[in-house]
Structure formats: structure tokens, C-alpha cells
Amino acid sequence: MKQVLLLSIIATSLLFGNNYTTKEASRHIGKHATVCGMVSEEYYAKRSNGQPTFINLDGRYPNQKFTIFILGKNRHNFSSAERSYNGKTICVTGLITWHKGIPLIKVSDKSQIR
């Protein structure tokens, strides 16, 4: 069921053109959309609560324009998440939220990133 919902969200975003650059993302908080940018930095915070992985787009922390967030419990859905996207232009689909003043999408499945 969760995968069907995710595929519906992705299809809706593609059909209705909800595709944004990392600079545009901050104007679309609360929307399901696709955000594209170049991966500048990937960091697995294995000693932090929840063991998150942060994938920063269009700038390194703390100057990134956008962040993709993966909880540690979902890392198994990604192969070497903190190393596989570095230097590539990627798109992520999901709900755009804020984290410490930076737009962010939390992902739980690799299909959200292309």
C-alpha cells in the first residue's frame, strides 16, 4: 500500500509539473513535489540519534540549498547512500518541509530518488 501511494505521488508530481530547482523549493513548503539539484555532500551521522543520512544539494553544509534526509531505519533501502550520489545531479520526490531553515524531503525508499 505504501509503495502504491508513493508511486501515485510521483506520478502526480510528474503530470502536474511540480518540479523545482533547489532554489525554488523554499517557496513550496508543504507540497508534494520533485526537487532537482547537484549532490555536493553526503553524510551518514551514525553516532546521532536515529542514525540519519543527509544528502546536501547545491552546496555543502551549512550552505546547502536543499537536503535529502534518510532515517537510519531506512538505510537498508539504499545501497551506500552516503557515497552513491556524490557529484551527480539527482531529483527527489516527496513532501517538502523545513529543517533548520533549509528545505528538505525525507525519503524512505530509493524510488524517491532518480
N, C-alpha and C. Protein backbone atom coordinates (compact mmCIF):
# COMPACT_ATOMS: atom_id res chain seq x y z
N MET A 1 0.82 -1.20 0.00
CA MET A 1 0.00 0.00 0.00
C MET A 1 0.87 1.26 0.00
N LYS A 2 1.92 1.25 0.83
CA LYS A 2 2.80 2.41 0.91
C LYS A 2 3.47 2.70 -0.43
N GLN A 3 3.86 1.63 -1.15
CA GLN A 3 4.50 1.81 -2.45
C GLN A 3 3.53 2.36 -3.48
N VAL A 4 2.27 1.91 -3.41
CA VAL A 4 1.26 2.41 -4.34
C VAL A 4 1.05 3.91 -4.11
N LEU A 5 0.97 4.32 -2.85
CA LEU A 5 0.82 5.74 -2.52
C LEU A 5 2.02 6.53 -3.02
N LEU A 6 3.22 6.02 -2.80
CA LEU A 6 4.42 6.71 -3.25
C LEU A 6 4.43 6.86 -4.76
N LEU A 7 4.07 5.80 -5.48
CA LEU A 7 4.04 5.87 -6.95
C LEU A 7 2.98 6.87 -7.41
N SER A 8 1.86 6.94 -6.71
CA SER A 8 0.82 7.92 -7.06
C SER A 8 1.33 9.34 -6.88
N ILE A 9 2.05 9.58 -5.79
CA ILE A 9 2.60 10.91 -5.53
C ILE A 9 3.60 11.29 -6.62
N ILE A 10 4.47 10.36 -6.97
CA ILE A 10 5.47 10.63 -8.01
C ILE A 10 4.79 10.91 -9.35
N ALA A 11 3.81 10.08 -9.71
CA ALA A 11 3.10 10.26 -10.98
C ALA A 11 2.38 11.60 -11.01
N THR A 12 1.74 11.97 -9.90
CA THR A 12 1.04 13.25 -9.83
C THR A 12 2.01 14.41 -10.00
N SER A 13 3.17 14.32 -9.34
CA SER A 13 4.17 15.38 -9.46
C SER A 13 4.63 15.53 -10.90
N LEU A 14 4.85 14.41 -11.58
CA LEU A 14 5.32 14.47 -12.95
C LEU A 14 4.23 14.99 -13.89
N LEU A 15 3.00 14.57 -13.68
CA LEU A 15 1.89 15.00 -14.54
C LEU A 15 1.59 16.49 -14.41
N PHE A 16 1.65 17.00 -13.21
CA PHE A 16 1.26 18.39 -12.98
C PHE A 16 2.45 19.34 -12.94
N GLY A 17 3.63 18.86 -13.24
CA GLY A 17 4.78 19.72 -13.38
C GLY A 17 5.30 20.30 -12.08
N ASN A 18 5.11 19.61 -10.96
CA ASN A 18 5.61 20.09 -9.69
C ASN A 18 7.09 19.74 -9.55
N ASN A 19 7.88 20.27 -10.47
CA ASN A 19 9.32 20.05 -10.47
C ASN A 19 9.99 21.38 -10.20
N TYR A 20 10.87 21.39 -9.20
CA TYR A 20 11.50 22.64 -8.79
C TYR A 20 13.01 22.49 -8.67
N THR A 21 13.70 23.60 -8.81
CA THR A 21 15.13 23.63 -8.50
C THR A 21 15.26 23.74 -6.99
N THR A 22 16.46 23.57 -6.49
CA THR A 22 16.68 23.69 -5.05
C THR A 22 16.37 25.11 -4.57
N LYS A 23 16.62 26.10 -5.40
CA LYS A 23 16.33 27.49 -5.03
C LYS A 23 14.84 27.76 -4.95
N GLU A 24 14.05 27.08 -5.78
CA GLU A 24 12.60 27.28 -5.79
C GLU A 24 11.89 26.51 -4.67
N ALA A 25 12.52 25.49 -4.15
CA ALA A 25 11.87 24.59 -3.18
C ALA A 25 11.34 25.32 -1.95
N SER A 26 12.04 26.33 -1.47
CA SER A 26 11.61 27.02 -0.25
C SER A 26 10.26 27.73 -0.42
N ARG A 27 9.86 27.98 -1.65
CA ARG A 27 8.56 28.62 -1.91
C ARG A 27 7.43 27.60 -2.02
N HIS A 28 7.75 26.32 -1.79
CA HIS A 28 6.75 25.26 -1.96
C HIS A 28 6.69 24.31 -0.76
N ILE A 29 6.98 24.85 0.43
CA ILE A 29 6.91 24.06 1.65
C ILE A 29 5.48 23.53 1.82
N GLY A 30 5.38 22.26 2.19
CA GLY A 30 4.08 21.63 2.40
C GLY A 30 3.50 20.97 1.16
N LYS A 31 4.19 21.06 0.04
CA LYS A 31 3.72 20.45 -1.20
C LYS A 31 4.49 19.17 -1.49
N HIS A 32 3.80 18.21 -2.11
CA HIS A 32 4.48 17.04 -2.66
C HIS A 32 5.01 17.47 -4.02
N ALA A 33 6.30 17.30 -4.23
CA ALA A 33 6.91 17.77 -5.46
C ALA A 33 8.21 17.03 -5.71
N THR A 34 8.80 17.34 -6.84
CA THR A 34 10.12 16.83 -7.20
C THR A 34 11.09 17.99 -7.22
N VAL A 35 12.22 17.83 -6.54
CA VAL A 35 13.26 18.86 -6.46
C VAL A 35 14.54 18.27 -7.04
N CYS A 36 15.20 19.02 -7.92
CA CYS A 36 16.42 18.55 -8.57
C CYS A 36 17.59 19.47 -8.26
N GLY A 37 18.77 18.86 -8.11
CA GLY A 37 19.98 19.63 -7.87
C GLY A 37 21.19 18.72 -7.88
N MET A 38 22.37 19.32 -7.76
CA MET A 38 23.62 18.55 -7.77
C MET A 38 24.02 18.20 -6.34
N VAL A 39 24.40 16.95 -6.13
CA VAL A 39 24.83 16.49 -4.81
C VAL A 39 26.21 17.04 -4.51
N SER A 40 26.28 17.83 -3.45
CA SER A 40 27.53 18.44 -3.03
C SER A 40 28.18 17.68 -1.89
N GLU A 41 27.35 16.97 -1.11
CA GLU A 41 27.86 16.33 0.10
C GLU A 41 26.88 15.27 0.58
N GLU A 42 27.42 14.16 1.05
CA GLU A 42 26.62 13.10 1.65
C GLU A 42 27.25 12.75 2.99
N TYR A 43 26.40 12.65 4.02
CA TYR A 43 26.95 12.41 5.36
C TYR A 43 26.06 11.44 6.13
N TYR A 44 26.64 10.36 6.61
CA TYR A 44 25.96 9.38 7.45
C TYR A 44 26.33 9.67 8.89
N ALA A 45 25.38 10.13 9.68
CA ALA A 45 25.62 10.51 11.08
C ALA A 45 25.32 9.31 11.98
N LYS A 46 26.17 8.29 11.89
CA LYS A 46 25.91 7.04 12.60
C LYS A 46 25.92 7.17 14.11
N ARG A 47 26.52 8.21 14.65
CA ARG A 47 26.55 8.41 16.11
C ARG A 47 25.41 9.30 16.60
N SER A 48 24.62 9.84 15.68
CA SER A 48 23.50 10.71 16.03
C SER A 48 22.24 9.88 16.27
N ASN A 49 21.30 10.46 17.00
CA ASN A 49 20.02 9.81 17.27
C ASN A 49 19.31 9.48 15.96
N GLY A 50 18.94 8.23 15.76
CA GLY A 50 18.25 7.81 14.54
C GLY A 50 19.18 7.49 13.38
N GLN A 51 20.47 7.71 13.56
CA GLN A 51 21.50 7.43 12.54
C GLN A 51 21.10 7.91 11.14
N PRO A 52 20.81 9.21 11.00
CA PRO A 52 20.36 9.71 9.70
C PRO A 52 21.50 9.86 8.69
N THR A 53 21.08 9.87 7.43
CA THR A 53 21.97 10.22 6.33
C THR A 53 21.45 11.52 5.72
N PHE A 54 22.33 12.46 5.50
CA PHE A 54 21.99 13.75 4.90
C PHE A 54 22.65 13.82 3.53
N ILE A 55 21.87 14.12 2.52
CA ILE A 55 22.40 14.33 1.17
C ILE A 55 22.11 15.79 0.84
N ASN A 56 23.16 16.59 0.78
CA ASN A 56 23.01 18.04 0.55
C ASN A 56 23.18 18.36 -0.92
N LEU A 57 22.25 19.18 -1.42
CA LEU A 57 22.26 19.57 -2.82
C LEU A 57 22.67 21.03 -2.97
N ASP A 58 23.43 21.30 -4.01
CA ASP A 58 23.83 22.67 -4.39
C ASP A 58 24.47 23.44 -3.24
N GLY A 59 25.44 22.81 -2.61
CA GLY A 59 26.21 23.45 -1.54
C GLY A 59 26.45 22.49 -0.40
N ARG A 60 27.60 22.68 0.25
CA ARG A 60 27.96 21.85 1.40
C ARG A 60 27.41 22.48 2.68
N TYR A 61 27.15 21.65 3.67
CA TYR A 61 26.67 22.12 4.98
C TYR A 61 27.65 23.15 5.53
N PRO A 62 27.19 24.27 6.02
CA PRO A 62 25.82 24.72 6.28
C PRO A 62 25.25 25.60 5.16
N ASN A 63 25.84 25.58 4.00
CA ASN A 63 25.42 26.45 2.90
C ASN A 63 24.63 25.74 1.80
N GLN A 64 24.14 24.55 2.08
CA GLN A 64 23.37 23.82 1.08
C GLN A 64 22.04 24.51 0.81
N LYS A 65 21.54 24.32 -0.40
CA LYS A 65 20.24 24.90 -0.78
C LYS A 65 19.09 23.97 -0.43
N PHE A 66 19.39 22.65 -0.30
CA PHE A 66 18.35 21.66 -0.09
C PHE A 66 18.98 20.41 0.52
N THR A 67 18.20 19.68 1.34
CA THR A 67 18.70 18.45 1.95
C THR A 67 17.72 17.31 1.73
N ILE A 68 18.27 16.14 1.43
CA ILE A 68 17.52 14.89 1.40
C ILE A 68 17.89 14.17 2.69
N PHE A 69 16.89 13.68 3.41
CA PHE A 69 17.07 13.09 4.73
C PHE A 69 16.62 11.64 4.73
N ILE A 70 17.50 10.73 5.15
CA ILE A 70 17.18 9.30 5.24
C ILE A 70 17.39 8.87 6.69
N LEU A 71 16.34 8.37 7.33
CA LEU A 71 16.48 7.83 8.68
C LEU A 71 17.27 6.53 8.63
N GLY A 72 18.03 6.27 9.69
CA GLY A 72 18.84 5.06 9.76
C GLY A 72 18.05 3.79 9.54
N LYS A 73 16.81 3.74 10.05
CA LYS A 73 15.99 2.54 9.89
C LYS A 73 15.62 2.26 8.42
N ASN A 74 15.81 3.27 7.56
CA ASN A 74 15.51 3.11 6.13
C ASN A 74 16.75 2.96 5.26
N ARG A 75 17.93 3.00 5.86
CA ARG A 75 19.18 2.91 5.09
C ARG A 75 19.27 1.64 4.27
N HIS A 76 18.67 0.55 4.76
CA HIS A 76 18.75 -0.72 4.04
C HIS A 76 18.07 -0.64 2.67
N ASN A 77 17.23 0.37 2.45
CA ASN A 77 16.57 0.55 1.16
C ASN A 77 17.47 1.25 0.14
N PHE A 78 18.64 1.67 0.58
CA PHE A 78 19.58 2.40 -0.28
C PHE A 78 20.91 1.68 -0.25
N SER A 79 21.58 1.57 -1.38
CA SER A 79 22.91 0.97 -1.40
C SER A 79 23.95 2.06 -1.24
N SER A 80 24.68 2.02 -0.14
CA SER A 80 25.74 3.00 0.14
C SER A 80 25.25 4.43 -0.10
N ALA A 81 24.16 4.79 0.55
CA ALA A 81 23.52 6.08 0.31
C ALA A 81 24.47 7.26 0.44
N GLU A 82 25.40 7.18 1.38
CA GLU A 82 26.25 8.36 1.57
C GLU A 82 27.39 8.45 0.56
N ARG A 83 27.48 7.51 -0.36
CA ARG A 83 28.55 7.56 -1.36
C ARG A 83 28.06 7.44 -2.79
N SER A 84 26.82 7.03 -3.00
CA SER A 84 26.40 6.66 -4.35
C SER A 84 25.96 7.83 -5.23
N TYR A 85 25.67 8.99 -4.65
CA TYR A 85 25.16 10.11 -5.44
C TYR A 85 26.14 11.27 -5.58
N ASN A 86 27.23 11.24 -4.87
CA ASN A 86 28.14 12.39 -4.81
C ASN A 86 28.56 12.87 -6.20
N GLY A 87 28.37 14.19 -6.44
CA GLY A 87 28.75 14.80 -7.70
C GLY A 87 27.74 14.65 -8.82
N LYS A 88 26.64 13.94 -8.57
CA LYS A 88 25.63 13.71 -9.59
C LYS A 88 24.46 14.68 -9.43
N THR A 89 23.80 14.98 -10.53
CA THR A 89 22.56 15.73 -10.47
C THR A 89 21.44 14.71 -10.31
N ILE A 90 20.64 14.89 -9.25
CA ILE A 90 19.57 13.96 -8.96
C ILE A 90 18.28 14.73 -8.69
N CYS A 91 17.17 14.00 -8.69
CA CYS A 91 15.87 14.55 -8.35
C CYS A 91 15.28 13.70 -7.24
N VAL A 92 14.59 14.34 -6.31
CA VAL A 92 13.95 13.65 -5.19
C VAL A 92 12.49 14.06 -5.15
N THR A 93 11.62 13.10 -4.88
CA THR A 93 10.19 13.37 -4.84
C THR A 93 9.64 13.06 -3.45
N GLY A 94 8.85 13.99 -2.93
CA GLY A 94 8.23 13.79 -1.62
C GLY A 94 7.67 15.10 -1.11
N LEU A 95 7.34 15.12 0.18
CA LEU A 95 6.79 16.29 0.84
C LEU A 95 7.92 17.24 1.22
N ILE A 96 7.88 18.47 0.74
CA ILE A 96 8.91 19.46 1.07
C ILE A 96 8.58 20.05 2.44
N THR A 97 9.54 19.97 3.36
CA THR A 97 9.40 20.54 4.70
C THR A 97 10.62 21.40 4.99
N TRP A 98 10.67 21.97 6.20
CA TRP A 98 11.82 22.77 6.66
C TRP A 98 12.61 21.98 7.68
N HIS A 99 13.92 22.20 7.70
CA HIS A 99 14.78 21.70 8.77
C HIS A 99 15.88 22.73 8.98
N LYS A 100 15.83 23.41 10.12
CA LYS A 100 16.82 24.44 10.46
C LYS A 100 16.99 25.47 9.34
N GLY A 101 15.86 25.90 8.76
CA GLY A 101 15.89 26.93 7.74
C GLY A 101 16.24 26.47 6.34
N ILE A 102 16.36 25.17 6.14
CA ILE A 102 16.70 24.61 4.83
C ILE A 102 15.55 23.72 4.36
N PRO A 103 15.09 23.85 3.11
CA PRO A 103 14.06 22.93 2.62
C PRO A 103 14.61 21.51 2.55
N LEU A 104 13.73 20.55 2.84
CA LEU A 104 14.15 19.16 2.99
C LEU A 104 13.03 18.23 2.55
N ILE A 105 13.42 17.08 2.01
CA ILE A 105 12.48 15.99 1.78
C ILE A 105 13.03 14.76 2.49
N LYS A 106 12.18 14.13 3.32
CA LYS A 106 12.52 12.87 3.96
C LYS A 106 12.17 11.74 3.00
N VAL A 107 13.12 10.83 2.80
CA VAL A 107 12.87 9.70 1.91
C VAL A 107 12.99 8.39 2.68
N SER A 108 12.22 7.42 2.25
CA SER A 108 12.29 6.10 2.90
C SER A 108 12.56 4.99 1.89
N ASP A 109 12.50 5.34 0.60
CA ASP A 109 12.68 4.32 -0.44
C ASP A 109 13.50 4.92 -1.59
N LYS A 110 14.35 4.10 -2.15
CA LYS A 110 15.24 4.54 -3.24
C LYS A 110 14.46 5.06 -4.46
N SER A 111 13.22 4.59 -4.62
CA SER A 111 12.42 5.02 -5.78
C SER A 111 12.09 6.50 -5.72
N GLN A 112 12.26 7.14 -4.57
CA GLN A 112 12.00 8.57 -4.45
C GLN A 112 13.13 9.42 -5.04
N ILE A 113 14.27 8.79 -5.30
CA ILE A 113 15.44 9.49 -5.84
C ILE A 113 15.73 8.93 -7.23
N ARG A 114 15.90 9.85 -8.20
CA ARG A 114 16.26 9.41 -9.56
C ARG A 114 17.29 10.35 -10.13
